Amino acid sequence: MSIDKVWENSYNMMVQYNKEDYEWFTKSEPAIKQDFTYVYLNENNIAKAYTTFHKEDQSDGRNLICTRFSFVDKDGYNGLMRIFKAFSSDHSFVNFYLTFDVSMQYLMSELWMGAVNWKVNQAGMVRVINAENILKKVKYISTGKAIIKITDKYIKENNDVFTVYFDSDKFTSIERSIVEPDIIIDIITFSALISYVCNFNDAKKWLDGLQIMN
């Protein structure tokens, strides 16, 4: 669970596991189902990564197909790669999915020479339903306030100016008021930013639904 907490904190809204989401571990039967789970521990015996995979014969050979793949840092990622390398005599490739993060591609060697293939897959639409509730849960920086005007064509409760107060990186309060906002943002752009589909600089460059007022 400590490994998955990193994903929850780094990719807000994208992952949120509850206790029941780990029941698969107590019900796993690797000898029967041929699904194998490995946990990577560093030299200090701290869990840094885990994966669950099975072997599958595909057109390009026998591959390892990961149904779970999670790590906390570069050391965790490399630890999983060493585990997979130990199986290299018995498989051609290992397939796994990651939350999209441009910097993660640099975990792979520059000279791939056909050994690595990656692509971006659409995993569905992210759309904020309750903007006020989300503003209460996001991570803030420093101490101060932000005045945000959100526009939403379909959910009228989201159409408002929200003044959010935060102290020492933590949310403290929120209110709706008629004041000049710091930014005006539509719900699509807000959803993209809050779920880290794109960062703030990319949103300013590519998305139309963001106006910086102050």
N, C-alpha and C. Protein backbone atom coordinates (compact mmCIF):
# COMPACT_ATOMS: atom_id res chain seq x y z
N MET A 1 0.82 -1.20 0.00
CA MET A 1 0.00 0.00 0.00
C MET A 1 0.86 1.27 0.00
N SER A 2 2.02 1.20 0.66
CA SER A 2 2.89 2.37 0.72
C SER A 2 3.37 2.77 -0.67
N ILE A 3 3.54 1.79 -1.55
CA ILE A 3 3.98 2.08 -2.91
C ILE A 3 2.88 2.81 -3.67
N ASP A 4 1.65 2.34 -3.56
CA ASP A 4 0.54 2.97 -4.28
C ASP A 4 0.24 4.37 -3.76
N LYS A 5 0.57 4.65 -2.50
CA LYS A 5 0.34 5.99 -1.96
C LYS A 5 1.11 7.05 -2.75
N VAL A 6 2.28 6.66 -3.27
CA VAL A 6 3.07 7.59 -4.08
C VAL A 6 2.30 7.99 -5.33
N TRP A 7 1.64 7.00 -5.98
CA TRP A 7 0.84 7.29 -7.17
C TRP A 7 -0.32 8.21 -6.82
N GLU A 8 -0.96 7.96 -5.68
CA GLU A 8 -2.10 8.78 -5.29
C GLU A 8 -1.67 10.23 -5.05
N ASN A 9 -0.52 10.42 -4.41
CA ASN A 9 -0.05 11.77 -4.11
C ASN A 9 0.51 12.48 -5.32
N SER A 10 1.07 11.72 -6.27
CA SER A 10 1.70 12.32 -7.45
C SER A 10 0.71 12.59 -8.57
N TYR A 11 -0.31 11.74 -8.68
CA TYR A 11 -1.28 11.86 -9.77
C TYR A 11 -2.66 12.01 -9.18
N ASN A 12 -2.96 13.22 -8.73
CA ASN A 12 -4.21 13.50 -8.04
C ASN A 12 -5.41 13.08 -8.88
N MET A 13 -6.34 12.32 -8.26
CA MET A 13 -7.57 11.83 -8.89
C MET A 13 -7.36 10.60 -9.76
N MET A 14 -6.14 10.35 -10.21
CA MET A 14 -5.95 9.26 -11.16
C MET A 14 -6.01 7.90 -10.48
N VAL A 15 -5.54 7.82 -9.24
CA VAL A 15 -5.51 6.55 -8.51
C VAL A 15 -5.93 6.80 -7.07
N GLN A 16 -6.83 6.01 -6.58
CA GLN A 16 -7.19 6.06 -5.16
C GLN A 16 -7.64 4.67 -4.75
N TYR A 17 -6.76 3.97 -4.04
CA TYR A 17 -7.03 2.60 -3.63
C TYR A 17 -7.60 2.56 -2.22
N ASN A 18 -8.56 1.68 -2.02
CA ASN A 18 -9.11 1.41 -0.70
C ASN A 18 -8.70 0.01 -0.25
N LYS A 19 -9.01 -0.33 0.98
CA LYS A 19 -8.59 -1.61 1.54
C LYS A 19 -9.08 -2.79 0.70
N GLU A 20 -10.30 -2.69 0.21
CA GLU A 20 -10.85 -3.81 -0.57
C GLU A 20 -10.14 -4.01 -1.89
N ASP A 21 -9.43 -2.99 -2.36
CA ASP A 21 -8.71 -3.12 -3.62
C ASP A 21 -7.49 -4.03 -3.51
N TYR A 22 -7.15 -4.40 -2.27
CA TYR A 22 -6.00 -5.28 -2.07
C TYR A 22 -6.41 -6.72 -1.73
N GLU A 23 -7.69 -7.03 -1.85
CA GLU A 23 -8.16 -8.38 -1.55
C GLU A 23 -7.61 -9.40 -2.53
N TRP A 24 -7.22 -8.94 -3.73
CA TRP A 24 -6.66 -9.85 -4.73
C TRP A 24 -5.41 -10.54 -4.20
N PHE A 25 -4.68 -9.84 -3.32
CA PHE A 25 -3.42 -10.41 -2.82
C PHE A 25 -3.67 -11.61 -1.92
N THR A 26 -4.71 -11.54 -1.09
CA THR A 26 -5.01 -12.64 -0.18
C THR A 26 -5.66 -13.82 -0.92
N LYS A 27 -6.18 -13.56 -2.12
CA LYS A 27 -6.84 -14.61 -2.89
C LYS A 27 -5.98 -15.13 -4.04
N SER A 28 -4.76 -14.62 -4.15
CA SER A 28 -3.91 -15.03 -5.27
C SER A 28 -3.47 -16.47 -5.12
N GLU A 29 -3.44 -17.18 -6.23
CA GLU A 29 -3.00 -18.58 -6.27
C GLU A 29 -2.04 -18.74 -7.44
N PRO A 30 -0.79 -18.30 -7.28
CA PRO A 30 0.16 -18.30 -8.40
C PRO A 30 0.41 -19.67 -9.01
N ALA A 31 0.42 -20.69 -8.20
CA ALA A 31 0.69 -22.04 -8.73
C ALA A 31 -0.44 -22.52 -9.64
N ILE A 32 -1.66 -22.05 -9.37
CA ILE A 32 -2.83 -22.47 -10.16
C ILE A 32 -3.11 -21.49 -11.30
N LYS A 33 -3.16 -20.19 -10.96
CA LYS A 33 -3.53 -19.16 -11.94
C LYS A 33 -2.34 -18.71 -12.79
N GLN A 34 -1.12 -19.04 -12.36
CA GLN A 34 0.09 -18.62 -13.07
C GLN A 34 0.23 -17.11 -13.18
N ASP A 35 -0.30 -16.39 -12.18
CA ASP A 35 -0.07 -14.96 -12.02
C ASP A 35 0.92 -14.78 -10.89
N PHE A 36 2.06 -14.17 -11.19
CA PHE A 36 3.14 -14.09 -10.22
C PHE A 36 3.36 -12.64 -9.77
N THR A 37 3.45 -12.43 -8.47
CA THR A 37 3.67 -11.10 -7.91
C THR A 37 5.04 -11.04 -7.26
N TYR A 38 5.80 -10.02 -7.63
CA TYR A 38 7.13 -9.78 -7.07
C TYR A 38 7.17 -8.39 -6.46
N VAL A 39 7.78 -8.28 -5.28
CA VAL A 39 7.99 -7.00 -4.62
C VAL A 39 9.49 -6.74 -4.56
N TYR A 40 9.91 -5.57 -5.01
CA TYR A 40 11.33 -5.20 -4.96
C TYR A 40 11.62 -4.44 -3.68
N LEU A 41 12.58 -4.96 -2.90
CA LEU A 41 13.05 -4.31 -1.68
C LEU A 41 14.46 -3.79 -1.91
N ASN A 42 14.74 -2.57 -1.47
CA ASN A 42 16.09 -2.04 -1.66
C ASN A 42 17.02 -2.59 -0.58
N GLU A 43 18.24 -2.09 -0.54
CA GLU A 43 19.25 -2.62 0.39
C GLU A 43 18.89 -2.38 1.85
N ASN A 44 17.99 -1.44 2.11
CA ASN A 44 17.51 -1.17 3.46
C ASN A 44 16.21 -1.89 3.77
N ASN A 45 15.87 -2.84 2.91
CA ASN A 45 14.67 -3.67 3.07
C ASN A 45 13.38 -2.85 3.02
N ILE A 46 13.40 -1.76 2.23
CA ILE A 46 12.22 -0.92 2.04
C ILE A 46 11.59 -1.25 0.69
N ALA A 47 10.29 -1.48 0.69
CA ALA A 47 9.58 -1.80 -0.55
C ALA A 47 9.57 -0.60 -1.48
N LYS A 48 10.07 -0.78 -2.69
CA LYS A 48 10.15 0.31 -3.66
C LYS A 48 9.29 0.07 -4.91
N ALA A 49 8.88 -1.17 -5.13
CA ALA A 49 8.11 -1.46 -6.35
C ALA A 49 7.48 -2.83 -6.25
N TYR A 50 6.43 -3.03 -7.04
CA TYR A 50 5.86 -4.39 -7.15
C TYR A 50 5.23 -4.55 -8.52
N THR A 51 5.08 -5.80 -8.91
CA THR A 51 4.46 -6.11 -10.20
C THR A 51 3.78 -7.47 -10.13
N THR A 52 2.73 -7.62 -10.89
CA THR A 52 2.09 -8.92 -11.09
C THR A 52 2.06 -9.19 -12.59
N PHE A 53 2.47 -10.39 -13.00
CA PHE A 53 2.52 -10.69 -14.42
C PHE A 53 2.23 -12.16 -14.67
N HIS A 54 1.93 -12.46 -15.93
CA HIS A 54 1.79 -13.85 -16.38
C HIS A 54 2.48 -13.98 -17.73
N LYS A 55 2.81 -15.17 -18.10
CA LYS A 55 3.44 -15.42 -19.39
C LYS A 55 2.36 -15.65 -20.45
N GLU A 56 2.63 -15.14 -21.64
CA GLU A 56 1.64 -15.26 -22.71
C GLU A 56 2.36 -15.41 -24.04
N ASP A 57 1.96 -16.41 -24.82
CA ASP A 57 2.53 -16.61 -26.15
C ASP A 57 1.85 -15.68 -27.14
N GLN A 58 2.66 -14.80 -27.74
CA GLN A 58 2.14 -13.83 -28.70
C GLN A 58 2.87 -13.97 -30.03
N SER A 59 2.50 -13.14 -31.01
CA SER A 59 3.06 -13.28 -32.35
C SER A 59 4.57 -13.05 -32.38
N ASP A 60 5.08 -12.24 -31.45
CA ASP A 60 6.51 -11.96 -31.43
C ASP A 60 7.25 -12.81 -30.40
N GLY A 61 6.60 -13.84 -29.87
CA GLY A 61 7.25 -14.75 -28.93
C GLY A 61 6.52 -14.83 -27.61
N ARG A 62 7.16 -15.45 -26.65
CA ARG A 62 6.57 -15.55 -25.32
C ARG A 62 6.94 -14.29 -24.53
N ASN A 63 5.91 -13.58 -24.04
CA ASN A 63 6.12 -12.31 -23.35
C ASN A 63 5.58 -12.36 -21.92
N LEU A 64 6.07 -11.44 -21.12
CA LEU A 64 5.54 -11.25 -19.77
C LEU A 64 4.54 -10.11 -19.82
N ILE A 65 3.30 -10.36 -19.43
CA ILE A 65 2.23 -9.36 -19.47
C ILE A 65 1.92 -8.93 -18.04
N CYS A 66 2.19 -7.67 -17.74
CA CYS A 66 1.97 -7.16 -16.39
C CYS A 66 0.53 -6.67 -16.22
N THR A 67 -0.14 -7.15 -15.20
CA THR A 67 -1.46 -6.64 -14.85
C THR A 67 -1.37 -5.60 -13.73
N ARG A 68 -0.23 -5.58 -13.03
CA ARG A 68 0.06 -4.55 -12.02
C ARG A 68 1.52 -4.15 -12.16
N PHE A 69 1.78 -2.85 -12.08
CA PHE A 69 3.16 -2.36 -12.23
C PHE A 69 3.23 -1.00 -11.55
N SER A 70 3.91 -0.95 -10.41
CA SER A 70 3.94 0.30 -9.64
C SER A 70 5.29 0.44 -8.95
N PHE A 71 5.82 1.67 -8.91
CA PHE A 71 7.09 1.93 -8.26
C PHE A 71 7.10 3.34 -7.69
N VAL A 72 8.00 3.60 -6.74
CA VAL A 72 8.00 4.89 -6.06
C VAL A 72 9.06 5.84 -6.62
N ASP A 73 10.11 5.31 -7.26
CA ASP A 73 11.17 6.15 -7.79
C ASP A 73 11.99 5.36 -8.81
N LYS A 74 13.06 5.97 -9.28
CA LYS A 74 13.89 5.34 -10.31
C LYS A 74 14.50 4.03 -9.82
N ASP A 75 14.89 3.99 -8.55
CA ASP A 75 15.44 2.75 -7.99
C ASP A 75 14.42 1.62 -8.04
N GLY A 76 13.16 1.95 -7.74
CA GLY A 76 12.11 0.94 -7.81
C GLY A 76 11.90 0.42 -9.22
N TYR A 77 11.87 1.36 -10.18
CA TYR A 77 11.72 0.97 -11.59
C TYR A 77 12.86 0.06 -12.03
N ASN A 78 14.10 0.45 -11.72
CA ASN A 78 15.25 -0.36 -12.12
C ASN A 78 15.24 -1.72 -11.43
N GLY A 79 14.73 -1.76 -10.20
CA GLY A 79 14.62 -3.04 -9.51
C GLY A 79 13.71 -4.00 -10.23
N LEU A 80 12.58 -3.49 -10.74
CA LEU A 80 11.67 -4.34 -11.52
C LEU A 80 12.33 -4.79 -12.82
N MET A 81 13.08 -3.90 -13.45
CA MET A 81 13.75 -4.27 -14.69
C MET A 81 14.76 -5.40 -14.47
N ARG A 82 15.44 -5.39 -13.32
CA ARG A 82 16.38 -6.47 -13.01
C ARG A 82 15.66 -7.79 -12.80
N ILE A 83 14.46 -7.71 -12.20
CA ILE A 83 13.66 -8.93 -12.03
C ILE A 83 13.28 -9.50 -13.40
N PHE A 84 12.82 -8.63 -14.30
CA PHE A 84 12.42 -9.10 -15.63
C PHE A 84 13.62 -9.64 -16.41
N LYS A 85 14.76 -9.00 -16.23
CA LYS A 85 15.96 -9.46 -16.94
C LYS A 85 16.33 -10.88 -16.52
N ALA A 86 16.04 -11.23 -15.26
CA ALA A 86 16.33 -12.58 -14.79
C ALA A 86 15.52 -13.63 -15.53
N PHE A 87 14.40 -13.20 -16.14
CA PHE A 87 13.56 -14.12 -16.90
C PHE A 87 13.81 -14.03 -18.41
N SER A 88 14.83 -13.31 -18.80
CA SER A 88 15.03 -13.01 -20.22
C SER A 88 15.24 -14.24 -21.09
N SER A 89 15.72 -15.32 -20.53
CA SER A 89 15.93 -16.54 -21.33
C SER A 89 14.61 -17.20 -21.69
N ASP A 90 13.53 -16.77 -21.03
CA ASP A 90 12.24 -17.44 -21.22
C ASP A 90 11.18 -16.53 -21.82
N HIS A 91 11.52 -15.27 -22.16
CA HIS A 91 10.54 -14.37 -22.76
C HIS A 91 11.24 -13.36 -23.66
N SER A 92 10.47 -12.80 -24.60
CA SER A 92 11.03 -11.82 -25.53
C SER A 92 10.88 -10.39 -25.03
N PHE A 93 9.68 -10.05 -24.57
CA PHE A 93 9.39 -8.69 -24.11
C PHE A 93 8.59 -8.73 -22.82
N VAL A 94 8.58 -7.60 -22.13
CA VAL A 94 7.69 -7.40 -21.00
C VAL A 94 6.79 -6.22 -21.33
N ASN A 95 5.49 -6.38 -21.14
CA ASN A 95 4.51 -5.34 -21.45
C ASN A 95 3.89 -4.81 -20.16
N PHE A 96 3.87 -3.49 -20.00
CA PHE A 96 3.26 -2.90 -18.82
C PHE A 96 2.72 -1.51 -19.15
N TYR A 97 1.78 -1.05 -18.34
CA TYR A 97 1.18 0.27 -18.50
C TYR A 97 1.64 1.19 -17.38
N LEU A 98 1.83 2.46 -17.72
CA LEU A 98 2.20 3.49 -16.76
C LEU A 98 1.26 4.67 -16.87
N THR A 99 1.06 5.37 -15.76
CA THR A 99 0.41 6.68 -15.83
C THR A 99 1.26 7.58 -16.70
N PHE A 100 0.63 8.34 -17.59
CA PHE A 100 1.40 9.13 -18.53
C PHE A 100 2.18 10.24 -17.82
N ASP A 101 3.47 10.23 -18.01
CA ASP A 101 4.36 11.27 -17.50
C ASP A 101 5.52 11.35 -18.47
N VAL A 102 5.69 12.51 -19.10
CA VAL A 102 6.70 12.65 -20.14
C VAL A 102 8.08 12.25 -19.64
N SER A 103 8.41 12.61 -18.40
CA SER A 103 9.76 12.35 -17.88
C SER A 103 10.04 10.87 -17.72
N MET A 104 9.00 10.02 -17.63
CA MET A 104 9.23 8.60 -17.43
C MET A 104 9.91 7.94 -18.62
N GLN A 105 9.76 8.52 -19.81
CA GLN A 105 10.39 7.91 -20.96
C GLN A 105 11.91 7.92 -20.84
N TYR A 106 12.43 8.82 -20.00
CA TYR A 106 13.88 8.89 -19.82
C TYR A 106 14.41 7.81 -18.89
N LEU A 107 13.54 7.01 -18.32
CA LEU A 107 13.98 5.85 -17.56
C LEU A 107 14.54 4.78 -18.49
N MET A 108 14.20 4.85 -19.77
CA MET A 108 14.65 3.86 -20.73
C MET A 108 15.94 4.32 -21.40
N SER A 109 16.71 3.36 -21.85
CA SER A 109 17.99 3.66 -22.47
C SER A 109 17.80 4.45 -23.76
N GLU A 110 18.76 5.34 -24.06
CA GLU A 110 18.68 6.13 -25.29
C GLU A 110 18.82 5.25 -26.52
N LEU A 111 19.71 4.26 -26.46
CA LEU A 111 19.95 3.37 -27.60
C LEU A 111 19.04 2.15 -27.50
N TRP A 112 17.79 2.35 -27.89
CA TRP A 112 16.82 1.26 -27.75
C TRP A 112 17.07 0.15 -28.76
N MET A 113 17.44 0.53 -29.99
CA MET A 113 17.74 -0.45 -31.05
C MET A 113 16.61 -1.48 -31.22
N GLY A 114 15.38 -1.00 -31.14
CA GLY A 114 14.24 -1.89 -31.32
C GLY A 114 13.86 -2.69 -30.09
N ALA A 115 14.58 -2.50 -28.98
CA ALA A 115 14.29 -3.28 -27.78
C ALA A 115 13.12 -2.71 -26.99
N VAL A 116 12.75 -1.46 -27.27
CA VAL A 116 11.68 -0.80 -26.52
C VAL A 116 10.69 -0.19 -27.50
N ASN A 117 9.43 -0.38 -27.22
CA ASN A 117 8.36 0.24 -27.99
C ASN A 117 7.33 0.78 -27.01
N TRP A 118 6.99 2.07 -27.11
CA TRP A 118 6.00 2.62 -26.21
C TRP A 118 5.05 3.53 -26.98
N LYS A 119 3.83 3.63 -26.48
CA LYS A 119 2.82 4.48 -27.10
C LYS A 119 1.86 4.95 -26.02
N VAL A 120 1.15 6.03 -26.34
CA VAL A 120 0.18 6.60 -25.41
C VAL A 120 -1.20 6.06 -25.75
N ASN A 121 -1.87 5.47 -24.77
CA ASN A 121 -3.20 4.92 -24.96
C ASN A 121 -4.22 5.78 -24.23
N GLN A 122 -5.34 6.04 -24.88
CA GLN A 122 -6.44 6.74 -24.21
C GLN A 122 -7.11 5.76 -23.25
N ALA A 123 -7.17 6.15 -21.97
CA ALA A 123 -7.76 5.26 -20.97
C ALA A 123 -9.14 5.75 -20.53
N GLY A 124 -9.70 6.71 -21.27
CA GLY A 124 -11.01 7.23 -20.90
C GLY A 124 -10.96 8.74 -20.69
N MET A 125 -12.08 9.31 -20.31
CA MET A 125 -12.19 10.75 -20.12
C MET A 125 -12.15 11.09 -18.64
N VAL A 126 -11.43 12.15 -18.30
CA VAL A 126 -11.41 12.66 -16.93
C VAL A 126 -12.23 13.94 -16.92
N ARG A 127 -13.23 13.99 -16.05
CA ARG A 127 -14.12 15.15 -16.02
C ARG A 127 -14.53 15.43 -14.58
N VAL A 128 -14.26 16.63 -14.10
CA VAL A 128 -14.64 17.01 -12.74
C VAL A 128 -16.14 17.23 -12.68
N ILE A 129 -16.79 16.60 -11.70
CA ILE A 129 -18.23 16.75 -11.51
C ILE A 129 -18.54 17.79 -10.45
N ASN A 130 -17.80 17.76 -9.35
CA ASN A 130 -18.02 18.71 -8.25
C ASN A 130 -16.75 19.52 -8.05
N ALA A 131 -16.69 20.70 -8.66
CA ALA A 131 -15.48 21.51 -8.64
C ALA A 131 -15.12 21.97 -7.23
N GLU A 132 -16.11 22.37 -6.45
CA GLU A 132 -15.83 22.85 -5.09
C GLU A 132 -15.20 21.75 -4.24
N ASN A 133 -15.72 20.54 -4.35
CA ASN A 133 -15.19 19.43 -3.58
C ASN A 133 -13.74 19.11 -3.98
N ILE A 134 -13.45 19.21 -5.27
CA ILE A 134 -12.08 18.95 -5.75
C ILE A 134 -11.12 20.01 -5.24
N LEU A 135 -11.55 21.27 -5.25
CA LEU A 135 -10.69 22.36 -4.77
C LEU A 135 -10.33 22.20 -3.29
N LYS A 136 -11.15 21.49 -2.54
CA LYS A 136 -10.86 21.23 -1.14
C LYS A 136 -9.78 20.16 -0.95
N LYS A 137 -9.56 19.36 -2.00
CA LYS A 137 -8.69 18.19 -1.85
C LYS A 137 -7.35 18.29 -2.56
N VAL A 138 -7.19 19.28 -3.43
CA VAL A 138 -5.95 19.36 -4.19
C VAL A 138 -4.79 19.83 -3.31
N LYS A 139 -3.58 19.62 -3.80
CA LYS A 139 -2.37 20.01 -3.06
C LYS A 139 -2.03 21.47 -3.39
N TYR A 140 -1.82 22.27 -2.36
CA TYR A 140 -1.47 23.68 -2.53
C TYR A 140 -0.01 23.91 -2.13
N ILE A 141 0.53 25.05 -2.54
CA ILE A 141 1.91 25.40 -2.24
C ILE A 141 1.94 26.70 -1.45
N SER A 142 2.65 26.71 -0.32
CA SER A 142 2.87 27.88 0.50
C SER A 142 1.59 28.30 1.22
N THR A 143 1.46 29.60 1.50
CA THR A 143 0.32 30.15 2.23
C THR A 143 -0.26 31.32 1.43
N GLY A 144 -1.58 31.38 1.35
CA GLY A 144 -2.20 32.48 0.61
C GLY A 144 -3.62 32.13 0.19
N LYS A 145 -4.03 32.70 -0.94
CA LYS A 145 -5.36 32.42 -1.47
C LYS A 145 -5.31 32.46 -2.98
N ALA A 146 -6.26 31.77 -3.60
CA ALA A 146 -6.41 31.78 -5.06
C ALA A 146 -7.88 32.02 -5.37
N ILE A 147 -8.12 32.91 -6.31
CA ILE A 147 -9.50 33.22 -6.73
C ILE A 147 -9.69 32.68 -8.14
N ILE A 148 -10.55 31.70 -8.25
CA ILE A 148 -10.70 30.95 -9.50
C ILE A 148 -12.15 31.02 -9.98
N LYS A 149 -12.34 31.48 -11.20
CA LYS A 149 -13.67 31.45 -11.81
C LYS A 149 -13.75 30.25 -12.74
N ILE A 150 -14.70 29.37 -12.48
CA ILE A 150 -14.87 28.16 -13.29
C ILE A 150 -16.15 28.27 -14.10
N THR A 151 -16.07 27.90 -15.38
CA THR A 151 -17.24 27.88 -16.25
C THR A 151 -17.54 26.45 -16.66
N ASP A 152 -18.81 26.10 -16.62
CA ASP A 152 -19.23 24.74 -16.95
C ASP A 152 -20.58 24.82 -17.66
N LYS A 153 -20.66 24.36 -18.89
CA LYS A 153 -21.88 24.47 -19.68
C LYS A 153 -22.98 23.52 -19.21
N TYR A 154 -22.61 22.47 -18.48
CA TYR A 154 -23.58 21.43 -18.17
C TYR A 154 -23.94 21.32 -16.69
N ILE A 155 -23.03 21.64 -15.80
CA ILE A 155 -23.32 21.55 -14.37
C ILE A 155 -23.27 22.95 -13.78
N LYS A 156 -24.44 23.51 -13.53
CA LYS A 156 -24.52 24.92 -13.14
C LYS A 156 -23.88 25.20 -11.79
N GLU A 157 -23.84 24.19 -10.91
CA GLU A 157 -23.24 24.39 -9.59
C GLU A 157 -21.74 24.70 -9.67
N ASN A 158 -21.12 24.33 -10.78
CA ASN A 158 -19.69 24.61 -10.95
C ASN A 158 -19.42 26.01 -11.48
N ASN A 159 -20.44 26.67 -11.99
CA ASN A 159 -20.29 28.02 -12.54
C ASN A 159 -20.25 29.05 -11.41
N ASP A 160 -19.04 29.39 -10.97
CA ASP A 160 -18.96 30.34 -9.88
C ASP A 160 -17.51 30.81 -9.72
N VAL A 161 -17.34 31.79 -8.85
CA VAL A 161 -16.00 32.26 -8.48
C VAL A 161 -15.68 31.70 -7.10
N PHE A 162 -14.62 30.93 -7.01
CA PHE A 162 -14.23 30.27 -5.76
C PHE A 162 -12.96 30.94 -5.21
N THR A 163 -13.03 31.38 -3.97
CA THR A 163 -11.84 31.88 -3.28
C THR A 163 -11.36 30.79 -2.34
N VAL A 164 -10.17 30.29 -2.61
CA VAL A 164 -9.61 29.18 -1.84
C VAL A 164 -8.48 29.71 -0.97
N TYR A 165 -8.54 29.40 0.32
CA TYR A 165 -7.50 29.80 1.26
C TYR A 165 -6.68 28.58 1.67
N PHE A 166 -5.37 28.76 1.76
CA PHE A 166 -4.50 27.64 2.15
C PHE A 166 -3.36 28.17 3.02
N ASP A 167 -2.88 27.30 3.88
CA ASP A 167 -1.84 27.68 4.83
C ASP A 167 -0.84 26.54 4.97
N SER A 168 0.45 26.84 4.77
CA SER A 168 1.53 25.84 4.90
C SER A 168 1.25 24.62 4.03
N ASP A 169 0.90 24.87 2.78
CA ASP A 169 0.66 23.83 1.76
C ASP A 169 -0.65 23.07 1.97
N LYS A 170 -1.49 23.49 2.90
CA LYS A 170 -2.72 22.75 3.17
C LYS A 170 -3.95 23.64 3.00
N PHE A 171 -5.00 23.05 2.45
CA PHE A 171 -6.28 23.74 2.29
C PHE A 171 -6.85 24.11 3.66
N THR A 172 -7.42 25.32 3.77
CA THR A 172 -8.06 25.72 5.03
C THR A 172 -9.55 26.03 4.85
N SER A 173 -9.91 26.76 3.77
CA SER A 173 -11.32 27.08 3.58
C SER A 173 -11.58 27.51 2.15
N ILE A 174 -12.86 27.55 1.81
CA ILE A 174 -13.27 27.96 0.46
C ILE A 174 -14.59 28.71 0.57
N GLU A 175 -14.77 29.71 -0.30
CA GLU A 175 -16.02 30.45 -0.32
C GLU A 175 -16.35 30.87 -1.74
N ARG A 176 -17.63 31.04 -1.99
CA ARG A 176 -18.10 31.55 -3.28
C ARG A 176 -18.39 33.04 -3.11
N SER A 177 -17.90 33.85 -4.04
CA SER A 177 -18.08 35.29 -3.90
C SER A 177 -18.03 35.97 -5.26
N ILE A 178 -18.50 37.20 -5.32
CA ILE A 178 -18.48 37.98 -6.56
C ILE A 178 -17.29 38.94 -6.48
N VAL A 179 -16.13 38.47 -6.88
CA VAL A 179 -14.90 39.27 -6.87
C VAL A 179 -14.15 39.01 -8.17
N GLU A 180 -13.17 39.84 -8.45
CA GLU A 180 -12.36 39.64 -9.65
C GLU A 180 -11.47 38.42 -9.46
N PRO A 181 -11.51 37.47 -10.39
CA PRO A 181 -10.71 36.25 -10.23
C PRO A 181 -9.26 36.44 -10.66
N ASP A 182 -8.39 35.55 -10.16
CA ASP A 182 -7.01 35.50 -10.63
C ASP A 182 -6.92 34.82 -11.99
N ILE A 183 -7.76 33.80 -12.16
CA ILE A 183 -7.82 33.10 -13.45
C ILE A 183 -9.27 32.73 -13.75
N ILE A 184 -9.56 32.62 -15.04
CA ILE A 184 -10.85 32.10 -15.51
C ILE A 184 -10.55 30.82 -16.27
N ILE A 185 -11.24 29.75 -15.91
CA ILE A 185 -10.91 28.45 -16.48
C ILE A 185 -12.18 27.66 -16.75
N ASP A 186 -12.28 27.02 -17.91
CA ASP A 186 -13.45 26.18 -18.16
C ASP A 186 -13.22 24.80 -17.55
N ILE A 187 -14.30 24.05 -17.43
CA ILE A 187 -14.26 22.79 -16.68
C ILE A 187 -13.37 21.74 -17.37
N ILE A 188 -13.26 21.79 -18.69
CA ILE A 188 -12.42 20.84 -19.40
C ILE A 188 -10.94 21.08 -19.08
N THR A 189 -10.52 22.34 -19.14
CA THR A 189 -9.14 22.67 -18.81
C THR A 189 -8.86 22.42 -17.34
N PHE A 190 -9.82 22.77 -16.48
CA PHE A 190 -9.67 22.52 -15.05
C PHE A 190 -9.48 21.03 -14.78
N SER A 191 -10.27 20.20 -15.45
CA SER A 191 -10.15 18.74 -15.28
C SER A 191 -8.79 18.23 -15.74
N ALA A 192 -8.32 18.77 -16.86
CA ALA A 192 -7.03 18.34 -17.39
C ALA A 192 -5.89 18.70 -16.44
N LEU A 193 -5.94 19.89 -15.87
CA LEU A 193 -4.89 20.33 -14.96
C LEU A 193 -4.93 19.57 -13.64
N ILE A 194 -6.12 19.40 -13.10
CA ILE A 194 -6.25 18.82 -11.77
C ILE A 194 -5.89 17.34 -11.76
N SER A 195 -6.02 16.67 -12.91
CA SER A 195 -5.67 15.25 -13.01
C SER A 195 -4.31 15.04 -13.66
N TYR A 196 -3.60 16.13 -13.90
CA TYR A 196 -2.26 16.13 -14.48
C TYR A 196 -2.22 15.49 -15.86
N VAL A 197 -3.28 15.68 -16.62
CA VAL A 197 -3.23 15.32 -18.03
C VAL A 197 -2.25 16.25 -18.74
N CYS A 198 -2.19 17.49 -18.29
CA CYS A 198 -1.19 18.43 -18.78
C CYS A 198 -0.79 19.35 -17.63
N ASN A 199 0.36 20.00 -17.76
CA ASN A 199 0.78 20.94 -16.72
C ASN A 199 0.32 22.35 -17.08
N PHE A 200 0.62 23.31 -16.20
CA PHE A 200 0.11 24.66 -16.37
C PHE A 200 0.67 25.33 -17.63
N ASN A 201 1.95 25.13 -17.89
CA ASN A 201 2.57 25.74 -19.08
C ASN A 201 1.98 25.18 -20.37
N ASP A 202 1.73 23.87 -20.41
CA ASP A 202 1.11 23.27 -21.58
C ASP A 202 -0.32 23.77 -21.77
N ALA A 203 -1.03 23.94 -20.65
CA ALA A 203 -2.40 24.43 -20.74
C ALA A 203 -2.44 25.84 -21.33
N LYS A 204 -1.51 26.69 -20.91
CA LYS A 204 -1.46 28.06 -21.46
C LYS A 204 -1.13 28.03 -22.95
N LYS A 205 -0.35 27.07 -23.36
CA LYS A 205 0.10 27.01 -24.75
C LYS A 205 -0.93 26.39 -25.68
N TRP A 206 -1.64 25.35 -25.20
CA TRP A 206 -2.46 24.55 -26.12
C TRP A 206 -3.97 24.64 -25.87
N LEU A 207 -4.39 24.95 -24.67
CA LEU A 207 -5.82 24.92 -24.35
C LEU A 207 -6.42 26.33 -24.36
N ASP A 208 -7.63 26.42 -24.88
CA ASP A 208 -8.29 27.72 -25.00
C ASP A 208 -9.00 28.15 -23.74
N GLY A 209 -9.28 27.22 -22.85
CA GLY A 209 -10.14 27.52 -21.70
C GLY A 209 -9.43 28.04 -20.48
N LEU A 210 -8.35 28.80 -20.66
CA LEU A 210 -7.60 29.33 -19.52
C LEU A 210 -7.23 30.79 -19.77
N GLN A 211 -7.66 31.67 -18.88
CA GLN A 211 -7.30 33.08 -18.94
C GLN A 211 -6.69 33.49 -17.61
N ILE A 212 -5.48 34.02 -17.65
CA ILE A 212 -4.81 34.50 -16.44
C ILE A 212 -5.09 35.99 -16.32
N MET A 213 -5.74 36.39 -15.24
CA MET A 213 -6.19 37.77 -15.08
C MET A 213 -5.19 38.61 -14.29
N ASN A 214 -4.56 37.98 -13.29
CA ASN A 214 -3.61 38.72 -12.45
C ASN A 214 -2.25 38.05 -12.44
